[in-house]
Amino acid sequence: MPINEVKCKSLLNPSKLAVYCINPYVGCQHGCTYCYANPITRRFSRHSEPWGEFIDVKVNAPEILRKEIASKKRGQVFVSSLTDAYQPLEKKYGLTRKLLEILLEKQFPVCIQTKSSLVTRDIDLLKKFNEKEVGFTIISLEESVRKNFEPFSSSIKERLDALKLLQENGINTYIFVGPVLPYLTDKSLEELVKTASELKVDYIWFDKLNLKPGVWENMQKILERSYPELLPAWKEIFFSKSDYYLKFKERAEQLCKKYNVRCRFC
């Protein structure tokens, strides 16, 4: 896999997900099939390699953040919007930890969203933030689904164990069920909501599948290989009129009410 050490000109950028977002890496080793960041990343980079098979490491990110933060108004920082800040390379480079140390100096609130249990490495830092939360993406409790769509990410058990540890250390947590994969997420939905309740996560956040250019083609290959019986239903949902997501939302709301878990929908 090509790993390039690069220098960035900016890091703390405006975001619709929070006041700011930071992305210490370009690309992501997790290589999730459904990732909306794939086509977006290609717009501002020259990479032609398959998604998940290239990484740019912003080696000067701490230096840039320290300069930018000096003149920025305090606001929540989302980590990260176009990559996973705790992908495997973070073990080597430690960029995310260095960025958290800088944000902590100014007590900028942080919201971290990841698929990696590596985030627990930084519990010591996170505990010192006045405002912090960590969310884990979990599209299904079934390992077979994870292996098909997120093959290089932490196992579901590792994510749930990490959520438990974070919660025990006084860090706000949430589960991001995104994207909801029709008729796959559904299978373990009740068990997922029940688990969220038992773990005492603060809320569950649901999002639809975002068919950015190229995403459907990638998803279709997996459906044809592993879930061919679902392909006609998926085509109807995404390319015709369907009330699938409306019915899913109704069921999710009912389950969250049943298990006393707050929920949000994108």
C-alpha atoms as a PDB file:
ATOM      1  CA  MET A   1       0.000   0.000   0.000  1.00  0.00           C
ATOM      2  CA  PRO A   2       1.387   3.452  -0.917  1.00  0.00           C
ATOM      3  CA  ILE A   3       1.977   5.477   2.262  1.00  0.00           C
ATOM      4  CA  ASN A   4       2.995   9.053   1.574  1.00  0.00           C
ATOM      5  CA  GLU A   5       4.192  11.559   4.133  1.00  0.00           C
ATOM      6  CA  VAL A   6       2.834  14.941   3.082  1.00  0.00           C
ATOM      7  CA  LYS A   7       2.548  18.444   4.480  1.00  0.00           C
ATOM      8  CA  CYS A   8      -0.810  20.185   4.774  1.00  0.00           C
ATOM      9  CA  LYS A   9      -1.570  23.900   4.621  1.00  0.00           C
ATOM     10  CA  SER A  10      -4.662  23.788   6.837  1.00  0.00           C
ATOM     11  CA  LEU A  11      -6.260  21.306   9.230  1.00  0.00           C
ATOM     12  CA  LEU A  12      -8.960  22.866  11.422  1.00  0.00           C
ATOM     13  CA  ASN A  13     -11.727  23.288   8.864  1.00  0.00           C
ATOM     14  CA  PRO A  14     -15.392  24.387   9.128  1.00  0.00           C
ATOM     15  CA  SER A  15     -17.833  21.489   9.223  1.00  0.00           C
ATOM     16  CA  LYS A  16     -21.544  20.703   9.081  1.00  0.00           C
ATOM     17  CA  LEU A  17     -20.963  17.919  11.608  1.00  0.00           C
ATOM     18  CA  ALA A  18     -19.561  20.260  14.261  1.00  0.00           C
ATOM     19  CA  VAL A  19     -18.001  23.712  14.322  1.00  0.00           C
ATOM     20  CA  TYR A  20     -14.751  22.267  12.987  1.00  0.00           C
ATOM     21  CA  CYS A  21     -13.372  18.978  11.730  1.00  0.00           C
ATOM     22  CA  ILE A  22      -9.851  17.630  11.454  1.00  0.00           C
ATOM     23  CA  ASN A  23      -8.571  14.865   9.177  1.00  0.00           C
ATOM     24  CA  PRO A  24      -4.994  13.839  10.015  1.00  0.00           C
ATOM     25  CA  TYR A  25      -4.876  11.378   7.129  1.00  0.00           C
ATOM     26  CA  VAL A  26      -6.026  11.324   3.496  1.00  0.00           C
ATOM     27  CA  GLY A  27      -7.565   7.969   2.675  1.00  0.00           C
ATOM     28  CA  CYS A  28      -8.388   5.197   5.118  1.00  0.00           C
ATOM     29  CA  GLN A  29      -6.981   1.717   5.610  1.00  0.00           C
ATOM     30  CA  HIS A  30     -10.386   0.433   6.684  1.00  0.00           C
ATOM     31  CA  GLY A  31     -11.509   0.683   3.048  1.00  0.00           C
ATOM     32  CA  CYS A  32     -15.222   0.381   3.834  1.00  0.00           C
ATOM     33  CA  THR A  33     -17.235  -0.343   0.702  1.00  0.00           C
ATOM     34  CA  TYR A  34     -19.973   2.189   1.407  1.00  0.00           C
ATOM     35  CA  CYS A  35     -17.744   5.100   2.424  1.00  0.00           C
ATOM     36  CA  TYR A  36     -18.869   8.472   1.052  1.00  0.00           C
ATOM     37  CA  ALA A  37     -15.337   9.801   1.594  1.00  0.00           C
ATOM     38  CA  ASN A  38     -14.048   7.741  -1.330  1.00  0.00           C
ATOM     39  CA  PRO A  39     -15.378   9.949  -4.175  1.00  0.00           C
ATOM     40  CA  ILE A  40     -14.976  13.132  -2.129  1.00  0.00           C
ATOM     41  CA  THR A  41     -11.312  12.405  -1.422  1.00  0.00           C
ATOM     42  CA  ARG A  42     -10.591  11.819  -5.090  1.00  0.00           C
ATOM     43  CA  ARG A  43     -11.870  15.285  -5.898  1.00  0.00           C
ATOM     44  CA  PHE A  44      -9.012  16.965  -4.076  1.00  0.00           C
ATOM     45  CA  SER A  45      -6.301  14.303  -4.377  1.00  0.00           C
ATOM     46  CA  ARG A  46      -4.682  12.666  -7.369  1.00  0.00           C
ATOM     47  CA  HIS A  47      -5.024   9.121  -6.127  1.00  0.00           C
ATOM     48  CA  SER A  48      -6.298   6.517  -8.563  1.00  0.00           C
ATOM     49  CA  GLU A  49      -5.705   3.480  -6.349  1.00  0.00           C
ATOM     50  CA  PRO A  50      -8.700   1.567  -4.980  1.00  0.00           C
ATOM     51  CA  TRP A  51     -10.218   3.011  -1.797  1.00  0.00           C
ATOM     52  CA  GLY A  52      -8.382   1.627   1.217  1.00  0.00           C
ATOM     53  CA  GLU A  53      -5.127   1.146  -0.695  1.00  0.00           C
ATOM     54  CA  PHE A  54      -3.523   4.575  -0.311  1.00  0.00           C
ATOM     55  CA  ILE A  55      -2.792   6.837   2.649  1.00  0.00           C
ATOM     56  CA  ASP A  56      -1.343  10.328   2.895  1.00  0.00           C
ATOM     57  CA  VAL A  57      -0.005  11.104   6.363  1.00  0.00           C
ATOM     58  CA  LYS A  58      -0.142  14.808   7.235  1.00  0.00           C
ATOM     59  CA  VAL A  59       3.102  14.776   9.183  1.00  0.00           C
ATOM     60  CA  ASN A  60       2.980  18.503   9.988  1.00  0.00           C
ATOM     61  CA  ALA A  61      -0.618  18.390  11.252  1.00  0.00           C
ATOM     62  CA  PRO A  62       0.267  19.178  14.905  1.00  0.00           C
ATOM     63  CA  GLU A  63       2.304  22.215  13.852  1.00  0.00           C
ATOM     64  CA  ILE A  64      -0.517  23.523  11.647  1.00  0.00           C
ATOM     65  CA  LEU A  65      -3.187  22.923  14.294  1.00  0.00           C
ATOM     66  CA  ARG A  66      -1.202  24.789  16.918  1.00  0.00           C
ATOM     67  CA  LYS A  67      -0.954  27.813  14.618  1.00  0.00           C
ATOM     68  CA  GLU A  68      -4.628  27.710  13.619  1.00  0.00           C
ATOM     69  CA  ILE A  69      -6.055  27.185  17.062  1.00  0.00           C
ATOM     70  CA  ALA A  70      -4.374  30.323  18.354  1.00  0.00           C
ATOM     71  CA  SER A  71      -6.778  32.502  16.353  1.00  0.00           C
ATOM     72  CA  LYS A  72      -9.893  30.303  16.295  1.00  0.00           C
ATOM     73  CA  LYS A  73     -12.963  30.723  18.447  1.00  0.00           C
ATOM     74  CA  ARG A  74     -13.564  27.765  20.733  1.00  0.00           C
ATOM     75  CA  GLY A  75     -15.964  25.205  19.227  1.00  0.00           C
ATOM     76  CA  GLN A  76     -16.554  21.467  18.952  1.00  0.00           C
ATOM     77  CA  VAL A  77     -14.114  19.569  16.734  1.00  0.00           C
ATOM     78  CA  PHE A  78     -15.239  16.441  14.863  1.00  0.00           C
ATOM     79  CA  VAL A  79     -12.556  13.767  14.474  1.00  0.00           C
ATOM     80  CA  SER A  80     -12.736  12.836  11.608  1.00  0.00           C
ATOM     81  CA  SER A  81     -15.042  13.434   8.634  1.00  0.00           C
ATOM     82  CA  LEU A  82     -13.119  11.923   5.685  1.00  0.00           C
ATOM     83  CA  THR A  83     -10.925   9.297   7.332  1.00  0.00           C
ATOM     84  CA  ASP A  84     -10.719   7.231  10.490  1.00  0.00           C
ATOM     85  CA  ALA A  85      -8.315   8.986  12.826  1.00  0.00           C
ATOM     86  CA  TYR A  86      -7.618   5.659  14.560  1.00  0.00           C
ATOM     87  CA  GLN A  87      -6.871   3.523  11.524  1.00  0.00           C
ATOM     88  CA  PRO A  88      -3.884   1.137  11.941  1.00  0.00           C
ATOM     89  CA  LEU A  89      -1.246   3.695  10.871  1.00  0.00           C
ATOM     90  CA  GLU A  90      -2.149   5.804  13.910  1.00  0.00           C
ATOM     91  CA  LYS A  91      -0.257   3.260  16.024  1.00  0.00           C
ATOM     92  CA  LYS A  92       2.932   4.267  14.208  1.00  0.00           C
ATOM     93  CA  TYR A  93       2.444   8.005  13.722  1.00  0.00           C
ATOM     94  CA  GLY A  94       0.369   8.995  16.757  1.00  0.00           C
ATOM     95  CA  LEU A  95      -0.922  12.075  14.933  1.00  0.00           C
ATOM     96  CA  THR A  96      -4.403  11.909  16.437  1.00  0.00           C
ATOM     97  CA  ARG A  97      -3.051  11.754  19.962  1.00  0.00           C
ATOM     98  CA  LYS A  98      -0.783  14.754  19.310  1.00  0.00           C
ATOM     99  CA  LEU A  99      -3.749  16.712  17.924  1.00  0.00           C
ATOM    100  CA  LEU A 100      -5.854  15.854  20.970  1.00  0.00           C
ATOM    101  CA  GLU A 101      -3.084  17.126  23.230  1.00  0.00           C
ATOM    102  CA  ILE A 102      -3.179  20.484  21.430  1.00  0.00           C
ATOM    103  CA  LEU A 103      -6.988  20.692  21.525  1.00  0.00           C
ATOM    104  CA  LEU A 104      -6.894  19.868  25.233  1.00  0.00           C
ATOM    105  CA  GLU A 105      -4.650  22.855  25.942  1.00  0.00           C
ATOM    106  CA  LYS A 106      -7.463  25.164  24.791  1.00  0.00           C
ATOM    107  CA  GLN A 107     -10.290  22.861  25.977  1.00  0.00           C
ATOM    108  CA  PHE A 108     -11.882  22.614  22.544  1.00  0.00           C
ATOM    109  CA  PRO A 109     -14.777  20.115  22.838  1.00  0.00           C
ATOM    110  CA  VAL A 110     -14.183  16.955  20.802  1.00  0.00           C
ATOM    111  CA  CYS A 111     -16.429  14.409  19.118  1.00  0.00           C
ATOM    112  CA  ILE A 112     -14.577  11.348  17.859  1.00  0.00           C
ATOM    113  CA  GLN A 113     -16.206   8.842  15.516  1.00  0.00           C
ATOM    114  CA  THR A 114     -14.335   5.666  14.693  1.00  0.00           C
ATOM    115  CA  LYS A 115     -14.487   1.952  13.954  1.00  0.00           C
ATOM    116  CA  SER A 116     -11.266   1.247  15.835  1.00  0.00           C
ATOM    117  CA  SER A 117     -10.772   0.132  19.420  1.00  0.00           C
ATOM    118  CA  LEU A 118      -7.417   1.967  19.311  1.00  0.00           C
ATOM    119  CA  VAL A 119      -9.273   5.036  20.580  1.00  0.00           C
ATOM    120  CA  THR A 120      -9.111   3.532  24.088  1.00  0.00           C
ATOM    121  CA  ARG A 121      -5.376   4.255  24.042  1.00  0.00           C
ATOM    122  CA  ASP A 122      -6.246   7.921  24.515  1.00  0.00           C
ATOM    123  CA  ILE A 123      -8.680   7.570  27.420  1.00  0.00           C
ATOM    124  CA  ASP A 124      -6.164   9.305  29.671  1.00  0.00           C
ATOM    125  CA  LEU A 125      -6.351  12.415  27.475  1.00  0.00           C
ATOM    126  CA  LEU A 126     -10.084  12.272  26.837  1.00  0.00           C
ATOM    127  CA  LYS A 127     -10.858  12.203  30.559  1.00  0.00           C
ATOM    128  CA  LYS A 128      -9.232  15.632  30.871  1.00  0.00           C
ATOM    129  CA  PHE A 129     -11.556  17.298  28.342  1.00  0.00           C
ATOM    130  CA  ASN A 130     -14.513  19.133  29.856  1.00  0.00           C
ATOM    131  CA  GLU A 131     -16.664  18.190  26.853  1.00  0.00           C
ATOM    132  CA  LYS A 132     -16.014  15.008  24.924  1.00  0.00           C
ATOM    133  CA  GLU A 133     -17.823  12.129  23.267  1.00  0.00           C
ATOM    134  CA  VAL A 134     -16.799   9.068  21.298  1.00  0.00           C
ATOM    135  CA  GLY A 135     -19.016   7.253  18.838  1.00  0.00           C
ATOM    136  CA  PHE A 136     -18.541   3.872  17.201  1.00  0.00           C
ATOM    137  CA  THR A 137     -19.963   3.009  13.811  1.00  0.00           C
ATOM    138  CA  ILE A 138     -21.855  -0.291  14.025  1.00  0.00           C
ATOM    139  CA  ILE A 139     -23.982  -1.194  11.002  1.00  0.00           C
ATOM    140  CA  SER A 140     -24.863  -4.655  12.314  1.00  0.00           C
ATOM    141  CA  LEU A 141     -24.007  -6.954  15.193  1.00  0.00           C
ATOM    142  CA  GLU A 142     -23.370  -9.755  12.701  1.00  0.00           C
ATOM    143  CA  GLU A 143     -19.672 -10.287  12.046  1.00  0.00           C
ATOM    144  CA  SER A 144     -20.415 -11.603   8.564  1.00  0.00           C
ATOM    145  CA  VAL A 145     -21.875  -8.215   7.595  1.00  0.00           C
ATOM    146  CA  ARG A 146     -18.862  -6.388   9.021  1.00  0.00           C
ATOM    147  CA  LYS A 147     -16.450  -8.665   7.171  1.00  0.00           C
ATOM    148  CA  ASN A 148     -18.252  -8.072   3.881  1.00  0.00           C
ATOM    149  CA  PHE A 149     -18.504  -4.285   4.087  1.00  0.00           C
ATOM    150  CA  GLU A 150     -15.788  -3.274   6.630  1.00  0.00           C
ATOM    151  CA  PRO A 151     -13.197  -6.063   6.319  1.00  0.00           C
ATOM    152  CA  PHE A 152     -10.218  -4.209   7.789  1.00  0.00           C
ATOM    153  CA  SER A 153     -11.883  -2.614  10.822  1.00  0.00           C
ATOM    154  CA  SER A 154     -12.107  -3.708  14.466  1.00  0.00           C
ATOM    155  CA  SER A 155     -14.474  -6.562  15.223  1.00  0.00           C
ATOM    156  CA  ILE A 156     -17.910  -5.794  16.630  1.00  0.00           C
ATOM    157  CA  LYS A 157     -16.892  -7.260  19.992  1.00  0.00           C
ATOM    158  CA  GLU A 158     -13.833  -5.010  20.134  1.00  0.00           C
ATOM    159  CA  ARG A 159     -16.015  -1.965  19.461  1.00  0.00           C
ATOM    160  CA  LEU A 160     -18.562  -2.912  22.110  1.00  0.00           C
ATOM    161  CA  ASP A 161     -15.799  -3.588  24.642  1.00  0.00           C
ATOM    162  CA  ALA A 162     -14.292  -0.193  23.828  1.00  0.00           C
ATOM    163  CA  LEU A 163     -17.656   1.536  24.297  1.00  0.00           C
ATOM    164  CA  LYS A 164     -18.002  -0.107  27.700  1.00  0.00           C
ATOM    165  CA  LEU A 165     -14.523   0.990  28.756  1.00  0.00           C
ATOM    166  CA  LEU A 166     -15.075   4.564  27.577  1.00  0.00           C
ATOM    167  CA  GLN A 167     -18.394   4.787  29.396  1.00  0.00           C
ATOM    168  CA  GLU A 168     -16.825   3.420  32.588  1.00  0.00           C
ATOM    169  CA  ASN A 169     -14.253   6.211  32.377  1.00  0.00           C
ATOM    170  CA  GLY A 170     -16.888   8.935  32.266  1.00  0.00           C
ATOM    171  CA  ILE A 171     -16.691   9.623  28.538  1.00  0.00           C
ATOM    172  CA  ASN A 172     -19.961  10.213  26.696  1.00  0.00           C
ATOM    173  CA  THR A 173     -20.590   7.609  24.012  1.00  0.00           C
ATOM    174  CA  TYR A 174     -22.908   6.902  21.111  1.00  0.00           C
ATOM    175  CA  ILE A 175     -23.454   4.292  18.423  1.00  0.00           C
ATOM    176  CA  PHE A 176     -23.631   5.430  14.818  1.00  0.00           C
ATOM    177  CA  VAL A 177     -25.742   3.055  12.736  1.00  0.00           C
ATOM    178  CA  GLY A 178     -24.662   4.404   9.417  1.00  0.00           C
ATOM    179  CA  PRO A 179     -25.295   3.547   6.841  1.00  0.00           C
ATOM    180  CA  VAL A 180     -28.400   1.514   7.522  1.00  0.00           C
ATOM    181  CA  LEU A 181     -28.070  -1.392   5.090  1.00  0.00           C
ATOM    182  CA  PRO A 182     -31.548  -2.506   4.001  1.00  0.00           C
ATOM    183  CA  TYR A 183     -32.547  -5.944   5.298  1.00  0.00           C
ATOM    184  CA  LEU A 184     -29.078  -6.468   6.794  1.00  0.00           C
ATOM    185  CA  THR A 185     -29.035  -3.892   9.578  1.00  0.00           C
ATOM    186  CA  ASP A 186     -32.624  -4.925  10.337  1.00  0.00           C
ATOM    187  CA  LYS A 187     -31.699  -8.471  11.349  1.00  0.00           C
ATOM    188  CA  SER A 188     -29.865  -7.471  14.515  1.00  0.00           C
ATOM    189  CA  LEU A 189     -31.520  -4.096  15.087  1.00  0.00           C
ATOM    190  CA  GLU A 190     -33.379  -5.003  18.272  1.00  0.00           C
ATOM    191  CA  GLU A 191     -30.338  -6.704  19.749  1.00  0.00           C
ATOM    192  CA  LEU A 192     -28.236  -3.653  18.849  1.00  0.00           C
ATOM    193  CA  VAL A 193     -30.630  -1.245  20.570  1.00  0.00           C
ATOM    194  CA  LYS A 194     -30.824  -3.552  23.584  1.00  0.00           C
ATOM    195  CA  THR A 195     -27.024  -3.704  23.731  1.00  0.00           C
ATOM    196  CA  ALA A 196     -26.816   0.089  23.516  1.00  0.00           C
ATOM    197  CA  SER A 197     -29.166   0.304  26.483  1.00  0.00           C
ATOM    198  CA  GLU A 198     -27.109  -2.178  28.501  1.00  0.00           C
ATOM    199  CA  LEU A 199     -23.917  -0.264  27.700  1.00  0.00           C
ATOM    200  CA  LYS A 200     -25.635   2.982  28.724  1.00  0.00           C
ATOM    201  CA  VAL A 201     -24.585   4.816  25.579  1.00  0.00           C
ATOM    202  CA  ASP A 202     -25.981   8.336  25.414  1.00  0.00           C
ATOM    203  CA  TYR A 203     -27.786   7.898  22.095  1.00  0.00           C
ATOM    204  CA  ILE A 204     -27.960   6.025  18.801  1.00  0.00           C
ATOM    205  CA  TRP A 205     -27.592   7.923  15.545  1.00  0.00           C
ATOM    206  CA  PHE A 206     -29.080   6.470  12.354  1.00  0.00           C
ATOM    207  CA  ASP A 207     -28.179   7.439   8.783  1.00  0.00           C
ATOM    208  CA  LYS A 208     -29.199   6.264   5.315  1.00  0.00           C
ATOM    209  CA  LEU A 209     -26.817   4.913   2.707  1.00  0.00           C
ATOM    210  CA  ASN A 210     -25.356   7.819   0.731  1.00  0.00           C
ATOM    211  CA  LEU A 211     -24.904   6.748  -2.890  1.00  0.00           C
ATOM    212  CA  LYS A 212     -22.062   9.027  -3.876  1.00  0.00           C
ATOM    213  CA  PRO A 213     -20.545   8.309  -7.328  1.00  0.00           C
ATOM    214  CA  GLY A 214     -19.018   4.855  -7.414  1.00  0.00           C
ATOM    215  CA  VAL A 215     -20.539   3.667  -4.145  1.00  0.00           C
ATOM    216  CA  TRP A 216     -23.427   1.760  -5.706  1.00  0.00           C
ATOM    217  CA  GLU A 217     -21.075  -0.134  -8.024  1.00  0.00           C
ATOM    218  CA  ASN A 218     -19.001  -1.259  -5.032  1.00  0.00           C
ATOM    219  CA  MET A 219     -22.067  -2.237  -3.024  1.00  0.00           C
ATOM    220  CA  GLN A 220     -23.569  -4.118  -5.953  1.00  0.00           C
ATOM    221  CA  LYS A 221     -20.497  -6.339  -6.217  1.00  0.00           C
ATOM    222  CA  ILE A 222     -20.845  -7.410  -2.587  1.00  0.00           C
ATOM    223  CA  LEU A 223     -24.573  -7.963  -2.926  1.00  0.00           C
ATOM    224  CA  GLU A 224     -24.056 -10.116  -6.011  1.00  0.00           C
ATOM    225  CA  ARG A 225     -21.408 -12.142  -4.222  1.00  0.00           C
ATOM    226  CA  SER A 226     -22.896 -12.532  -0.745  1.00  0.00           C
ATOM    227  CA  TYR A 227     -26.542 -11.410  -0.779  1.00  0.00           C
ATOM    228  CA  PRO A 228     -27.891 -11.913  -4.321  1.00  0.00           C
ATOM    229  CA  GLU A 229     -31.429 -12.372  -3.013  1.00  0.00           C
ATOM    230  CA  LEU A 230     -31.395  -8.752  -1.739  1.00  0.00           C
ATOM    231  CA  LEU A 231     -30.297  -7.120  -4.992  1.00  0.00           C
ATOM    232  CA  PRO A 232     -33.813  -6.570  -6.457  1.00  0.00           C
ATOM    233  CA  ALA A 233     -35.052  -5.021  -3.201  1.00  0.00           C
ATOM    234  CA  TRP A 234     -32.040  -2.715  -2.990  1.00  0.00           C
ATOM    235  CA  LYS A 235     -32.560  -1.518  -6.555  1.00  0.00           C
ATOM    236  CA  GLU A 236     -36.165  -0.705  -5.734  1.00  0.00           C
ATOM    237  CA  ILE A 237     -35.183   1.191  -2.578  1.00  0.00           C
ATOM    238  CA  PHE A 238     -32.478   3.308  -4.187  1.00  0.00           C
ATOM    239  CA  PHE A 239     -33.663   3.717  -7.762  1.00  0.00           C
ATOM    240  CA  SER A 240     -37.440   3.659  -7.467  1.00  0.00           C
ATOM    241  CA  LYS A 241     -40.079   4.667  -4.938  1.00  0.00           C
ATOM    242  CA  SER A 242     -39.859   2.836  -1.642  1.00  0.00           C
ATOM    243  CA  ASP A 243     -41.012   3.422   1.920  1.00  0.00           C
ATOM    244  CA  TYR A 244     -38.299   1.172   3.359  1.00  0.00           C
ATOM    245  CA  TYR A 245     -36.451   3.892   5.272  1.00  0.00           C
ATOM    246  CA  LEU A 246     -39.700   5.354   6.608  1.00  0.00           C
ATOM    247  CA  LYS A 247     -40.696   1.964   8.009  1.00  0.00           C
ATOM    248  CA  PHE A 248     -37.183   1.414   9.330  1.00  0.00           C
ATOM    249  CA  LYS A 249     -37.313   4.729  11.177  1.00  0.00           C
ATOM    250  CA  GLU A 250     -40.653   3.838  12.746  1.00  0.00           C
ATOM    251  CA  ARG A 251     -39.307   0.499  13.965  1.00  0.00           C
ATOM    252  CA  ALA A 252     -36.073   2.037  15.247  1.00  0.00           C
ATOM    253  CA  GLU A 253     -38.001   4.669  17.191  1.00  0.00           C
ATOM    254  CA  GLN A 254     -40.222   1.992  18.737  1.00  0.00           C
ATOM    255  CA  LEU A 255     -37.232  -0.085  19.795  1.00  0.00           C
ATOM    256  CA  CYS A 256     -35.386   2.897  21.232  1.00  0.00           C
ATOM    257  CA  LYS A 257     -38.478   3.775  23.232  1.00  0.00           C
ATOM    258  CA  LYS A 258     -38.805   0.160  24.411  1.00  0.00           C
ATOM    259  CA  TYR A 259     -35.209   0.078  25.648  1.00  0.00           C
ATOM    260  CA  ASN A 260     -35.111   3.705  26.804  1.00  0.00           C
ATOM    261  CA  VAL A 261     -32.375   4.858  24.437  1.00  0.00           C
ATOM    262  CA  ARG A 262     -32.342   8.293  22.829  1.00  0.00           C
ATOM    263  CA  CYS A 263     -32.122   8.240  19.040  1.00  0.00           C
ATOM    264  CA  ARG A 264     -31.321  10.660  16.238  1.00  0.00           C
ATOM    265  CA  PHE A 265     -31.815  10.444  12.496  1.00  0.00           C
ATOM    266  CA  CYS A 266     -29.824  12.187   9.780  1.00  0.00           C
END
